[in-house]
Amino acid sequence: MPAKANRKSASKGSQRAGKQGFYSRALDEAEKLDFELASGVNGIDDEIALLRVKIKSILGDDPNNIKDIVRVTNTLERLIRTRYKITREQRKGLKEAIGNVLRDIAVPLGIGIGAALDK
């Protein structure tokens, strides 16, 4: 068996110490702090909330950016599906609901998104 590298033990356990050691060379100091904070996060609820904020931001700042709106919305749909482990039928309903919301927001703004959603 190969000898293990001599590492300092992390306060949260040896598993995190291994991860920090592996990624530490690729991260600057600010990223190392962010990594430490992110290591304590369980689940994907924060990422779902972040994508919702980003969708709102794109709609406000660049409502004609249909490509990014659809891309981020599709990512949101996949995260929600993963979070709730929904069935294929439920996923279809969720996708339709998200499409309806985009149409309800986009149509009053004069944005044509029908062609982008069908792709």
PDB file of N, CA and C in Angstrom:
ATOM      1  N   MET A   1       0.843  -1.183   0.000  1.00  0.00           N
ATOM      2  CA  MET A   1       0.000   0.000   0.000  1.00  0.00           C
ATOM      3  C   MET A   1       0.882   1.239   0.000  1.00  0.00           C
ATOM      4  N   PRO A   2       0.609   2.235  -0.859  1.00  0.00           N
ATOM      5  CA  PRO A   2       1.455   3.420  -0.893  1.00  0.00           C
ATOM      6  C   PRO A   2       1.302   4.231   0.382  1.00  0.00           C
ATOM      7  N   ALA A   3       2.371   4.903   0.745  1.00  0.00           N
ATOM      8  CA  ALA A   3       2.334   5.749   1.932  1.00  0.00           C
ATOM      9  C   ALA A   3       1.466   6.960   1.670  1.00  0.00           C
ATOM     10  N   LYS A   4       0.663   7.326   2.666  1.00  0.00           N
ATOM     11  CA  LYS A   4      -0.219   8.491   2.522  1.00  0.00           C
ATOM     12  C   LYS A   4       0.580   9.766   2.772  1.00  0.00           C
ATOM     13  N   ALA A   5       0.173  10.828   2.065  1.00  0.00           N
ATOM     14  CA  ALA A   5       0.829  12.125   2.253  1.00  0.00           C
ATOM     15  C   ALA A   5       0.533  12.626   3.654  1.00  0.00           C
ATOM     16  N   ASN A   6       1.480  13.300   4.255  1.00  0.00           N
ATOM     17  CA  ASN A   6       1.313  13.837   5.587  1.00  0.00           C
ATOM     18  C   ASN A   6       0.480  15.104   5.519  1.00  0.00           C
ATOM     19  N   ARG A   7      -0.767  15.043   6.027  1.00  0.00           N
ATOM     20  CA  ARG A   7      -1.683  16.180   5.980  1.00  0.00           C
ATOM     21  C   ARG A   7      -2.111  16.553   7.381  1.00  0.00           C
ATOM     22  N   LYS A   8      -2.404  17.842   7.567  1.00  0.00           N
ATOM     23  CA  LYS A   8      -2.966  18.293   8.831  1.00  0.00           C
ATOM     24  C   LYS A   8      -4.431  17.900   8.854  1.00  0.00           C
ATOM     25  N   SER A   9      -4.919  17.516  10.004  1.00  0.00           N
ATOM     26  CA  SER A   9      -6.316  17.111  10.143  1.00  0.00           C
ATOM     27  C   SER A   9      -7.216  18.336  10.178  1.00  0.00           C
ATOM     28  N   ALA A  10      -8.304  18.294   9.403  1.00  0.00           N
ATOM     29  CA  ALA A  10      -9.270  19.393   9.401  1.00  0.00           C
ATOM     30  C   ALA A  10     -10.200  19.239  10.589  1.00  0.00           C
ATOM     31  N   SER A  11     -10.737  20.339  11.055  1.00  0.00           N
ATOM     32  CA  SER A  11     -11.615  20.301  12.217  1.00  0.00           C
ATOM     33  C   SER A  11     -12.894  19.525  11.948  1.00  0.00           C
ATOM     34  N   LYS A  12     -13.336  19.433  10.716  1.00  0.00           N
ATOM     35  CA  LYS A  12     -14.574  18.737  10.365  1.00  0.00           C
ATOM     36  C   LYS A  12     -14.317  17.283   9.971  1.00  0.00           C
ATOM     37  N   GLY A  13     -13.103  16.830  10.027  1.00  0.00           N
ATOM     38  CA  GLY A  13     -12.840  15.431   9.722  1.00  0.00           C
ATOM     39  C   GLY A  13     -11.894  15.244   8.562  1.00  0.00           C
ATOM     40  N   SER A  14     -11.397  14.021   8.459  1.00  0.00           N
ATOM     41  CA  SER A  14     -10.377  13.747   7.455  1.00  0.00           C
ATOM     42  C   SER A  14     -10.918  13.785   6.032  1.00  0.00           C
ATOM     43  N   GLN A  15     -12.215  13.524   5.838  1.00  0.00           N
ATOM     44  CA  GLN A  15     -12.766  13.564   4.486  1.00  0.00           C
ATOM     45  C   GLN A  15     -12.638  14.965   3.906  1.00  0.00           C
ATOM     46  N   ARG A  16     -13.005  15.987   4.664  1.00  0.00           N
ATOM     47  CA  ARG A  16     -12.888  17.362   4.184  1.00  0.00           C
ATOM     48  C   ARG A  16     -11.423  17.739   3.994  1.00  0.00           C
ATOM     49  N   ALA A  17     -10.554  17.264   4.866  1.00  0.00           N
ATOM     50  CA  ALA A  17      -9.136  17.574   4.722  1.00  0.00           C
ATOM     51  C   ALA A  17      -8.609  17.063   3.397  1.00  0.00           C
ATOM     52  N   GLY A  18      -9.045  15.865   2.995  1.00  0.00           N
ATOM     53  CA  GLY A  18      -8.629  15.322   1.705  1.00  0.00           C
ATOM     54  C   GLY A  18      -9.131  16.167   0.560  1.00  0.00           C
ATOM     55  N   LYS A  19     -10.379  16.613   0.639  1.00  0.00           N
ATOM     56  CA  LYS A  19     -10.938  17.440  -0.420  1.00  0.00           C
ATOM     57  C   LYS A  19     -10.210  18.777  -0.489  1.00  0.00           C
ATOM     58  N   GLN A  20      -9.971  19.382   0.669  1.00  0.00           N
ATOM     59  CA  GLN A  20      -9.279  20.673   0.674  1.00  0.00           C
ATOM     60  C   GLN A  20      -7.874  20.519   0.117  1.00  0.00           C
ATOM     61  N   GLY A  21      -7.205  19.459   0.485  1.00  0.00           N
ATOM     62  CA  GLY A  21      -5.862  19.239  -0.015  1.00  0.00           C
ATOM     63  C   GLY A  21      -5.843  19.039  -1.524  1.00  0.00           C
ATOM     64  N   PHE A  22      -6.821  18.312  -2.030  1.00  0.00           N
ATOM     65  CA  PHE A  22      -6.892  18.040  -3.461  1.00  0.00           C
ATOM     66  C   PHE A  22      -7.176  19.303  -4.260  1.00  0.00           C
ATOM     67  N   TYR A  23      -8.116  20.112  -3.809  1.00  0.00           N
ATOM     68  CA  TYR A  23      -8.523  21.308  -4.547  1.00  0.00           C
ATOM     69  C   TYR A  23      -7.719  22.552  -4.181  1.00  0.00           C
ATOM     70  N   SER A  24      -7.002  22.522  -3.107  1.00  0.00           N
ATOM     71  CA  SER A  24      -6.356  23.739  -2.604  1.00  0.00           C
ATOM     72  C   SER A  24      -5.406  24.376  -3.609  1.00  0.00           C
ATOM     73  N   ARG A  25      -4.756  23.587  -4.417  1.00  0.00           N
ATOM     74  CA  ARG A  25      -3.824  24.151  -5.399  1.00  0.00           C
ATOM     75  C   ARG A  25      -4.546  24.900  -6.514  1.00  0.00           C
ATOM     76  N   ALA A  26      -5.811  24.580  -6.739  1.00  0.00           N
ATOM     77  CA  ALA A  26      -6.559  25.207  -7.836  1.00  0.00           C
ATOM     78  C   ALA A  26      -7.370  26.423  -7.373  1.00  0.00           C
ATOM     79  N   LEU A  27      -7.389  26.704  -6.069  1.00  0.00           N
ATOM     80  CA  LEU A  27      -8.228  27.774  -5.531  1.00  0.00           C
ATOM     81  C   LEU A  27      -7.383  28.901  -4.968  1.00  0.00           C
ATOM     82  N   ASP A  28      -7.869  30.139  -5.180  1.00  0.00           N
ATOM     83  CA  ASP A  28      -7.214  31.263  -4.509  1.00  0.00           C
ATOM     84  C   ASP A  28      -7.785  31.353  -3.087  1.00  0.00           C
ATOM     85  N   GLU A  29      -7.309  32.297  -2.301  1.00  0.00           N
ATOM     86  CA  GLU A  29      -7.718  32.385  -0.892  1.00  0.00           C
ATOM     87  C   GLU A  29      -9.219  32.622  -0.730  1.00  0.00           C
ATOM     88  N   ALA A  30      -9.800  33.503  -1.552  1.00  0.00           N
ATOM     89  CA  ALA A  30     -11.240  33.762  -1.467  1.00  0.00           C
ATOM     90  C   ALA A  30     -12.033  32.508  -1.821  1.00  0.00           C
ATOM     91  N   GLU A  31     -11.582  31.782  -2.831  1.00  0.00           N
ATOM     92  CA  GLU A  31     -12.265  30.548  -3.237  1.00  0.00           C
ATOM     93  C   GLU A  31     -12.134  29.472  -2.156  1.00  0.00           C
ATOM     94  N   LYS A  32     -11.004  29.442  -1.469  1.00  0.00           N
ATOM     95  CA  LYS A  32     -10.836  28.476  -0.375  1.00  0.00           C
ATOM     96  C   LYS A  32     -11.848  28.751   0.734  1.00  0.00           C
ATOM     97  N   LEU A  33     -12.076  30.024   1.030  1.00  0.00           N
ATOM     98  CA  LEU A  33     -13.085  30.369   2.045  1.00  0.00           C
ATOM     99  C   LEU A  33     -14.482  29.986   1.575  1.00  0.00           C
ATOM    100  N   ASP A  34     -14.774  30.276   0.309  1.00  0.00           N
ATOM    101  CA  ASP A  34     -16.070  29.882  -0.257  1.00  0.00           C
ATOM    102  C   ASP A  34     -16.230  28.366  -0.245  1.00  0.00           C
ATOM    103  N   PHE A  35     -15.166  27.652  -0.554  1.00  0.00           N
ATOM    104  CA  PHE A  35     -15.200  26.193  -0.550  1.00  0.00           C
ATOM    105  C   PHE A  35     -15.526  25.676   0.848  1.00  0.00           C
ATOM    106  N   GLU A  36     -14.908  26.273   1.843  1.00  0.00           N
ATOM    107  CA  GLU A  36     -15.157  25.873   3.235  1.00  0.00           C
ATOM    108  C   GLU A  36     -16.628  26.073   3.593  1.00  0.00           C
ATOM    109  N   LEU A  37     -17.186  27.217   3.203  1.00  0.00           N
ATOM    110  CA  LEU A  37     -18.607  27.470   3.471  1.00  0.00           C
ATOM    111  C   LEU A  37     -19.497  26.499   2.699  1.00  0.00           C
ATOM    112  N   ALA A  38     -19.168  26.265   1.434  1.00  0.00           N
ATOM    113  CA  ALA A  38     -19.983  25.379   0.596  1.00  0.00           C
ATOM    114  C   ALA A  38     -19.921  23.934   1.077  1.00  0.00           C
ATOM    115  N   SER A  39     -18.835  23.555   1.714  1.00  0.00           N
ATOM    116  CA  SER A  39     -18.692  22.178   2.192  1.00  0.00           C
ATOM    117  C   SER A  39     -19.736  21.835   3.248  1.00  0.00           C
ATOM    118  N   GLY A  40     -20.238  22.838   3.944  1.00  0.00           N
ATOM    119  CA  GLY A  40     -21.238  22.597   4.976  1.00  0.00           C
ATOM    120  C   GLY A  40     -22.664  22.620   4.477  1.00  0.00           C
ATOM    121  N   VAL A  41     -22.884  22.898   3.202  1.00  0.00           N
ATOM    122  CA  VAL A  41     -24.233  23.001   2.648  1.00  0.00           C
ATOM    123  C   VAL A  41     -24.703  21.626   2.203  1.00  0.00           C
ATOM    124  N   ASN A  42     -25.891  21.251   2.658  1.00  0.00           N
ATOM    125  CA  ASN A  42     -26.503  19.996   2.228  1.00  0.00           C
ATOM    126  C   ASN A  42     -27.678  20.300   1.321  1.00  0.00           C
ATOM    127  N   GLY A  43     -27.884  19.483   0.306  1.00  0.00           N
ATOM    128  CA  GLY A  43     -29.018  19.675  -0.578  1.00  0.00           C
ATOM    129  C   GLY A  43     -28.744  20.706  -1.649  1.00  0.00           C
ATOM    130  N   ILE A  44     -29.792  20.979  -2.453  1.00  0.00           N
ATOM    131  CA  ILE A  44     -29.645  21.894  -3.583  1.00  0.00           C
ATOM    132  C   ILE A  44     -30.639  23.043  -3.524  1.00  0.00           C
ATOM    133  N   ASP A  45     -31.235  23.269  -2.364  1.00  0.00           N
ATOM    134  CA  ASP A  45     -32.219  24.345  -2.236  1.00  0.00           C
ATOM    135  C   ASP A  45     -31.617  25.718  -2.526  1.00  0.00           C
ATOM    136  N   ASP A  46     -30.384  25.944  -2.089  1.00  0.00           N
ATOM    137  CA  ASP A  46     -29.730  27.234  -2.349  1.00  0.00           C
ATOM    138  C   ASP A  46     -29.499  27.442  -3.843  1.00  0.00           C
ATOM    139  N   GLU A  47     -29.141  26.377  -4.538  1.00  0.00           N
ATOM    140  CA  GLU A  47     -28.904  26.485  -5.978  1.00  0.00           C
ATOM    141  C   GLU A  47     -30.212  26.750  -6.724  1.00  0.00           C
ATOM    142  N   ILE A  48     -31.291  26.129  -6.271  1.00  0.00           N
ATOM    143  CA  ILE A  48     -32.607  26.381  -6.875  1.00  0.00           C
ATOM    144  C   ILE A  48     -32.987  27.848  -6.689  1.00  0.00           C
ATOM    145  N   ALA A  49     -32.804  28.358  -5.478  1.00  0.00           N
ATOM    146  CA  ALA A  49     -33.116  29.768  -5.206  1.00  0.00           C
ATOM    147  C   ALA A  49     -32.231  30.687  -6.041  1.00  0.00           C
ATOM    148  N   LEU A  50     -30.951  30.359  -6.162  1.00  0.00           N
ATOM    149  CA  LEU A  50     -30.026  31.177  -6.958  1.00  0.00           C
ATOM    150  C   LEU A  50     -30.464  31.238  -8.418  1.00  0.00           C
ATOM    151  N   LEU A  51     -30.858  30.098  -8.981  1.00  0.00           N
ATOM    152  CA  LEU A  51     -31.314  30.100 -10.371  1.00  0.00           C
ATOM    153  C   LEU A  51     -32.582  30.930 -10.540  1.00  0.00           C
ATOM    154  N   ARG A  52     -33.474  30.901  -9.573  1.00  0.00           N
ATOM    155  CA  ARG A  52     -34.676  31.721  -9.658  1.00  0.00           C
ATOM    156  C   ARG A  52     -34.316  33.202  -9.669  1.00  0.00           C
ATOM    157  N   VAL A  53     -33.358  33.582  -8.842  1.00  0.00           N
ATOM    158  CA  VAL A  53     -32.904  34.975  -8.815  1.00  0.00           C
ATOM    159  C   VAL A  53     -32.263  35.343 -10.154  1.00  0.00           C
ATOM    160  N   LYS A  54     -31.473  34.435 -10.710  1.00  0.00           N
ATOM    161  CA  LYS A  54     -30.812  34.697 -11.991  1.00  0.00           C
ATOM    162  C   LYS A  54     -31.825  34.836 -13.125  1.00  0.00           C
ATOM    163  N   ILE A  55     -32.869  34.008 -13.115  1.00  0.00           N
ATOM    164  CA  ILE A  55     -33.907  34.121 -14.140  1.00  0.00           C
ATOM    165  C   ILE A  55     -34.561  35.493 -14.056  1.00  0.00           C
ATOM    166  N   LYS A  56     -34.883  35.910 -12.838  1.00  0.00           N
ATOM    167  CA  LYS A  56     -35.492  37.232 -12.649  1.00  0.00           C
ATOM    168  C   LYS A  56     -34.547  38.326 -13.131  1.00  0.00           C
ATOM    169  N   SER A  57     -33.272  38.184 -12.834  1.00  0.00           N
ATOM    170  CA  SER A  57     -32.277  39.170 -13.243  1.00  0.00           C
ATOM    171  C   SER A  57     -32.169  39.245 -14.765  1.00  0.00           C
ATOM    172  N   ILE A  58     -32.126  38.098 -15.419  1.00  0.00           N
ATOM    173  CA  ILE A  58     -32.039  38.082 -16.890  1.00  0.00           C
ATOM    174  C   ILE A  58     -33.284  38.730 -17.480  1.00  0.00           C
ATOM    175  N   LEU A  59     -34.458  38.382 -16.944  1.00  0.00           N
ATOM    176  CA  LEU A  59     -35.700  38.968 -17.460  1.00  0.00           C
ATOM    177  C   LEU A  59     -35.725  40.481 -17.284  1.00  0.00           C
ATOM    178  N   GLY A  60     -35.141  40.965 -16.189  1.00  0.00           N
ATOM    179  CA  GLY A  60     -35.114  42.403 -15.944  1.00  0.00           C
ATOM    180  C   GLY A  60     -34.055  43.132 -16.749  1.00  0.00           C
ATOM    181  N   ASP A  61     -32.869  42.533 -16.850  1.00  0.00           N
ATOM    182  CA  ASP A  61     -31.741  43.197 -17.488  1.00  0.00           C
ATOM    183  C   ASP A  61     -31.671  42.986 -18.996  1.00  0.00           C
ATOM    184  N   ASP A  62     -32.042  41.789 -19.440  1.00  0.00           N
ATOM    185  CA  ASP A  62     -31.892  41.447 -20.856  1.00  0.00           C
ATOM    186  C   ASP A  62     -33.036  40.529 -21.278  1.00  0.00           C
ATOM    187  N   PRO A  63     -34.273  41.048 -21.289  1.00  0.00           N
ATOM    188  CA  PRO A  63     -35.434  40.187 -21.560  1.00  0.00           C
ATOM    189  C   PRO A  63     -35.444  39.578 -22.958  1.00  0.00           C
ATOM    190  N   ASN A  64     -34.639  40.075 -23.867  1.00  0.00           N
ATOM    191  CA  ASN A  64     -34.564  39.501 -25.210  1.00  0.00           C
ATOM    192  C   ASN A  64     -33.564  38.349 -25.307  1.00  0.00           C
ATOM    193  N   ASN A  65     -32.894  38.046 -24.211  1.00  0.00           N
ATOM    194  CA  ASN A  65     -31.891  36.984 -24.191  1.00  0.00           C
ATOM    195  C   ASN A  65     -32.597  35.637 -23.966  1.00  0.00           C
ATOM    196  N   ILE A  66     -33.350  35.230 -24.960  1.00  0.00           N
ATOM    197  CA  ILE A  66     -34.169  34.034 -24.873  1.00  0.00           C
ATOM    198  C   ILE A  66     -33.318  32.787 -24.657  1.00  0.00           C
ATOM    199  N   LYS A  67     -32.165  32.735 -25.294  1.00  0.00           N
ATOM    200  CA  LYS A  67     -31.297  31.566 -25.171  1.00  0.00           C
ATOM    201  C   LYS A  67     -30.928  31.317 -23.702  1.00  0.00           C
ATOM    202  N   ASP A  68     -30.490  32.347 -22.998  1.00  0.00           N
ATOM    203  CA  ASP A  68     -30.113  32.185 -21.593  1.00  0.00           C
ATOM    204  C   ASP A  68     -31.327  31.925 -20.706  1.00  0.00           C
ATOM    205  N   ILE A  69     -32.445  32.578 -21.004  1.00  0.00           N
ATOM    206  CA  ILE A  69     -33.656  32.357 -20.213  1.00  0.00           C
ATOM    207  C   ILE A  69     -34.076  30.890 -20.299  1.00  0.00           C
ATOM    208  N   VAL A  70     -34.108  30.354 -21.499  1.00  0.00           N
ATOM    209  CA  VAL A  70     -34.508  28.962 -21.689  1.00  0.00           C
ATOM    210  C   VAL A  70     -33.481  28.027 -21.060  1.00  0.00           C
ATOM    211  N   ARG A  71     -32.201  28.313 -21.243  1.00  0.00           N
ATOM    212  CA  ARG A  71     -31.139  27.458 -20.689  1.00  0.00           C
ATOM    213  C   ARG A  71     -31.209  27.403 -19.165  1.00  0.00           C
ATOM    214  N   VAL A  72     -31.338  28.561 -18.516  1.00  0.00           N
ATOM    215  CA  VAL A  72     -31.384  28.597 -17.058  1.00  0.00           C
ATOM    216  C   VAL A  72     -32.687  27.979 -16.549  1.00  0.00           C
ATOM    217  N   THR A  73     -33.781  28.208 -17.257  1.00  0.00           N
ATOM    218  CA  THR A  73     -35.056  27.615 -16.861  1.00  0.00           C
ATOM    219  C   THR A  73     -35.003  26.097 -16.967  1.00  0.00           C
ATOM    220  N   ASN A  74     -34.384  25.578 -18.004  1.00  0.00           N
ATOM    221  CA  ASN A  74     -34.231  24.127 -18.130  1.00  0.00           C
ATOM    222  C   ASN A  74     -33.354  23.564 -17.015  1.00  0.00           C
ATOM    223  N   THR A  75     -32.312  24.287 -16.652  1.00  0.00           N
ATOM    224  CA  THR A  75     -31.459  23.865 -15.538  1.00  0.00           C
ATOM    225  C   THR A  75     -32.255  23.859 -14.241  1.00  0.00           C
ATOM    226  N   LEU A  76     -33.064  24.890 -14.036  1.00  0.00           N
ATOM    227  CA  LEU A  76     -33.918  24.959 -12.848  1.00  0.00           C
ATOM    228  C   LEU A  76     -34.863  23.766 -12.799  1.00  0.00           C
ATOM    229  N   GLU A  77     -35.456  23.449 -13.931  1.00  0.00           N
ATOM    230  CA  GLU A  77     -36.378  22.306 -13.993  1.00  0.00           C
ATOM    231  C   GLU A  77     -35.670  21.016 -13.594  1.00  0.00           C
ATOM    232  N   ARG A  78     -34.444  20.812 -14.071  1.00  0.00           N
ATOM    233  CA  ARG A  78     -33.695  19.599 -13.723  1.00  0.00           C
ATOM    234  C   ARG A  78     -33.346  19.558 -12.243  1.00  0.00           C
ATOM    235  N   LEU A  79     -32.974  20.694 -11.670  1.00  0.00           N
ATOM    236  CA  LEU A  79     -32.660  20.728 -10.239  1.00  0.00           C
ATOM    237  C   LEU A  79     -33.896  20.443  -9.394  1.00  0.00           C
ATOM    238  N   ILE A  80     -35.021  21.023  -9.775  1.00  0.00           N
ATOM    239  CA  ILE A  80     -36.260  20.778  -9.023  1.00  0.00           C
ATOM    240  C   ILE A  80     -36.649  19.308  -9.140  1.00  0.00           C
ATOM    241  N   ARG A  81     -36.529  18.747 -10.327  1.00  0.00           N
ATOM    242  CA  ARG A  81     -36.834  17.329 -10.526  1.00  0.00           C
ATOM    243  C   ARG A  81     -35.941  16.471  -9.635  1.00  0.00           C
ATOM    244  N   THR A  82     -34.675  16.809  -9.601  1.00  0.00           N
ATOM    245  CA  THR A  82     -33.739  16.075  -8.752  1.00  0.00           C
ATOM    246  C   THR A  82     -34.107  16.246  -7.281  1.00  0.00           C
ATOM    247  N   ARG A  83     -34.405  17.469  -6.901  1.00  0.00           N
ATOM    248  CA  ARG A  83     -34.727  17.761  -5.496  1.00  0.00           C
ATOM    249  C   ARG A  83     -35.931  16.977  -5.022  1.00  0.00           C
ATOM    250  N   TYR A  84     -36.940  16.923  -5.826  1.00  0.00           N
ATOM    251  CA  TYR A  84     -38.180  16.269  -5.415  1.00  0.00           C
ATOM    252  C   TYR A  84     -38.356  14.890  -6.028  1.00  0.00           C
ATOM    253  N   LYS A  85     -37.392  14.464  -6.864  1.00  0.00           N
ATOM    254  CA  LYS A  85     -37.436  13.159  -7.514  1.00  0.00           C
ATOM    255  C   LYS A  85     -38.806  12.909  -8.138  1.00  0.00           C
ATOM    256  N   ILE A  86     -39.215  13.862  -8.957  1.00  0.00           N
ATOM    257  CA  ILE A  86     -40.544  13.772  -9.534  1.00  0.00           C
ATOM    258  C   ILE A  86     -40.566  12.821 -10.730  1.00  0.00           C
ATOM    259  N   THR A  87     -41.755  12.329 -11.037  1.00  0.00           N
ATOM    260  CA  THR A  87     -41.924  11.378 -12.123  1.00  0.00           C
ATOM    261  C   THR A  87     -41.869  12.091 -13.469  1.00  0.00           C
ATOM    262  N   ARG A  88     -41.819  11.307 -14.533  1.00  0.00           N
ATOM    263  CA  ARG A  88     -41.784  11.852 -15.887  1.00  0.00           C
ATOM    264  C   ARG A  88     -43.037  12.685 -16.163  1.00  0.00           C
ATOM    265  N   GLU A  89     -44.200  12.191 -15.732  1.00  0.00           N
ATOM    266  CA  GLU A  89     -45.450  12.922 -15.949  1.00  0.00           C
ATOM    267  C   GLU A  89     -45.460  14.242 -15.172  1.00  0.00           C
ATOM    268  N   GLN A  90     -45.000  14.198 -13.936  1.00  0.00           N
ATOM    269  CA  GLN A  90     -44.919  15.418 -13.148  1.00  0.00           C
ATOM    270  C   GLN A  90     -43.923  16.388 -13.769  1.00  0.00           C
ATOM    271  N   ARG A  91     -42.824  15.863 -14.301  1.00  0.00           N
ATOM    272  CA  ARG A  91     -41.810  16.702 -14.941  1.00  0.00           C
ATOM    273  C   ARG A  91     -42.396  17.418 -16.153  1.00  0.00           C
ATOM    274  N   LYS A  92     -43.194  16.690 -16.932  1.00  0.00           N
ATOM    275  CA  LYS A  92     -43.831  17.302 -18.098  1.00  0.00           C
ATOM    276  C   LYS A  92     -44.734  18.452 -17.657  1.00  0.00           C
ATOM    277  N   GLY A  93     -45.488  18.235 -16.593  1.00  0.00           N
ATOM    278  CA  GLY A  93     -46.360  19.287 -16.072  1.00  0.00           C
ATOM    279  C   GLY A  93     -45.570  20.487 -15.572  1.00  0.00           C
ATOM    280  N   LEU A  94     -44.450  20.215 -14.900  1.00  0.00           N
ATOM    281  CA  LEU A  94     -43.606  21.299 -14.398  1.00  0.00           C
ATOM    282  C   LEU A  94     -43.017  22.095 -15.552  1.00  0.00           C
ATOM    283  N   LYS A  95     -42.561  21.402 -16.583  1.00  0.00           N
ATOM    284  CA  LYS A  95     -41.983  22.081 -17.739  1.00  0.00           C
ATOM    285  C   LYS A  95     -43.037  22.952 -18.421  1.00  0.00           C
ATOM    286  N   GLU A  96     -44.239  22.417 -18.535  1.00  0.00           N
ATOM    287  CA  GLU A  96     -45.327  23.200 -19.129  1.00  0.00           C
ATOM    288  C   GLU A  96     -45.648  24.416 -18.264  1.00  0.00           C
ATOM    289  N   ALA A  97     -45.653  24.232 -16.950  1.00  0.00           N
ATOM    290  CA  ALA A  97     -45.948  25.345 -16.047  1.00  0.00           C
ATOM    291  C   ALA A  97     -44.892  26.436 -16.151  1.00  0.00           C
ATOM    292  N   ILE A  98     -43.630  26.033 -16.218  1.00  0.00           N
ATOM    293  CA  ILE A  98     -42.552  27.016 -16.359  1.00  0.00           C
ATOM    294  C   ILE A  98     -42.690  27.745 -17.691  1.00  0.00           C
ATOM    295  N   GLY A  99     -43.001  27.009 -18.748  1.00  0.00           N
ATOM    296  CA  GLY A  99     -43.216  27.629 -20.058  1.00  0.00           C
ATOM    297  C   GLY A  99     -44.360  28.619 -20.025  1.00  0.00           C
ATOM    298  N   ASN A 100     -45.437  28.258 -19.325  1.00  0.00           N
ATOM    299  CA  ASN A 100     -46.583  29.166 -19.210  1.00  0.00           C
ATOM    300  C   ASN A 100     -46.205  30.440 -18.461  1.00  0.00           C
ATOM    301  N   VAL A 101     -45.429  30.297 -17.408  1.00  0.00           N
ATOM    302  CA  VAL A 101     -44.999  31.474 -16.644  1.00  0.00           C
ATOM    303  C   VAL A 101     -44.148  32.375 -17.529  1.00  0.00           C
ATOM    304  N   LEU A 102     -43.219  31.788 -18.284  1.00  0.00           N
ATOM    305  CA  LEU A 102     -42.388  32.596 -19.169  1.00  0.00           C
ATOM    306  C   LEU A 102     -43.251  33.315 -20.209  1.00  0.00           C
ATOM    307  N   ARG A 103     -44.224  32.606 -20.757  1.00  0.00           N
ATOM    308  CA  ARG A 103     -45.104  33.235 -21.750  1.00  0.00           C
ATOM    309  C   ARG A 103     -45.911  34.364 -21.121  1.00  0.00           C
ATOM    310  N   ASP A 104     -46.377  34.154 -19.887  1.00  0.00           N
ATOM    311  CA  ASP A 104     -47.168  35.183 -19.218  1.00  0.00           C
ATOM    312  C   ASP A 104     -46.334  36.423 -18.908  1.00  0.00           C
ATOM    313  N   ILE A 105     -45.047  36.223 -18.691  1.00  0.00           N
ATOM    314  CA  ILE A 105     -44.154  37.351 -18.420  1.00  0.00           C
ATOM    315  C   ILE A 105     -43.661  37.947 -19.733  1.00  0.00           C
ATOM    316  N   ALA A 106     -43.269  37.073 -20.651  1.00  0.00           N
ATOM    317  CA  ALA A 106     -42.641  37.531 -21.889  1.00  0.00           C
ATOM    318  C   ALA A 106     -43.624  38.199 -22.847  1.00  0.00           C
ATOM    319  N   VAL A 107     -44.825  37.651 -22.961  1.00  0.00           N
ATOM    320  CA  VAL A 107     -45.798  38.213 -23.906  1.00  0.00           C
ATOM    321  C   VAL A 107     -46.111  39.665 -23.581  1.00  0.00           C
ATOM    322  N   PRO A 108     -46.409  39.996 -22.311  1.00  0.00           N
ATOM    323  CA  PRO A 108     -46.659  41.413 -22.013  1.00  0.00           C
ATOM    324  C   PRO A 108     -45.455  42.322 -22.300  1.00  0.00           C
ATOM    325  N   LEU A 109     -44.245  41.732 -22.261  1.00  0.00           N
ATOM    326  CA  LEU A 109     -43.041  42.510 -22.557  1.00  0.00           C
ATOM    327  C   LEU A 109     -42.759  42.570 -24.057  1.00  0.00           C
ATOM    328  N   GLY A 110     -43.558  41.858 -24.845  1.00  0.00           N
ATOM    329  CA  GLY A 110     -43.375  41.866 -26.295  1.00  0.00           C
ATOM    330  C   GLY A 110     -42.267  40.955 -26.778  1.00  0.00           C
ATOM    331  N   ILE A 111     -41.922  39.942 -25.984  1.00  0.00           N
ATOM    332  CA  ILE A 111     -40.844  39.015 -26.346  1.00  0.00           C
ATOM    333  C   ILE A 111     -41.472  37.762 -26.924  1.00  0.00           C
ATOM    334  N   GLY A 112     -41.002  37.334 -28.092  1.00  0.00           N
ATOM    335  CA  GLY A 112     -41.469  36.102 -28.700  1.00  0.00           C
ATOM    336  C   GLY A 112     -40.592  34.933 -28.278  1.00  0.00           C
ATOM    337  N   ILE A 113     -41.114  34.050 -27.422  1.00  0.00           N
ATOM    338  CA  ILE A 113     -40.294  32.931 -26.951  1.00  0.00           C
ATOM    339  C   ILE A 113     -40.810  31.585 -27.421  1.00  0.00           C
ATOM    340  N   GLY A 114     -41.913  31.544 -28.121  1.00  0.00           N
ATOM    341  CA  GLY A 114     -42.507  30.274 -28.544  1.00  0.00           C
ATOM    342  C   GLY A 114     -41.553  29.421 -29.330  1.00  0.00           C
ATOM    343  N   ALA A 115     -40.840  29.995 -30.267  1.00  0.00           N
ATOM    344  CA  ALA A 115     -39.912  29.223 -31.094  1.00  0.00           C
ATOM    345  C   ALA A 115     -38.762  28.696 -30.270  1.00  0.00           C
ATOM    346  N   ALA A 116     -38.287  29.448 -29.293  1.00  0.00           N
ATOM    347  CA  ALA A 116     -37.177  29.018 -28.460  1.00  0.00           C
ATOM    348  C   ALA A 116     -37.607  27.872 -27.537  1.00  0.00           C
ATOM    349  N   LEU A 117     -38.843  27.891 -27.051  1.00  0.00           N
ATOM    350  CA  LEU A 117     -39.315  26.843 -26.161  1.00  0.00           C
ATOM    351  C   LEU A 117     -39.557  25.533 -26.893  1.00  0.00           C
ATOM    352  N   ASP A 118     -39.887  25.578 -28.157  1.00  0.00           N
ATOM    353  CA  ASP A 118     -40.156  24.372 -28.920  1.00  0.00           C
ATOM    354  C   ASP A 118     -38.889  23.626 -29.296  1.00  0.00           C
ATOM    355  N   LYS A 119     -37.752  24.277 -29.225  1.00  0.00           N
ATOM    356  CA  LYS A 119     -36.492  23.647 -29.621  1.00  0.00           C
ATOM    357  C   LYS A 119     -35.972  22.732 -28.574  1.00  0.00           C
TER     358      LYS A 119
END
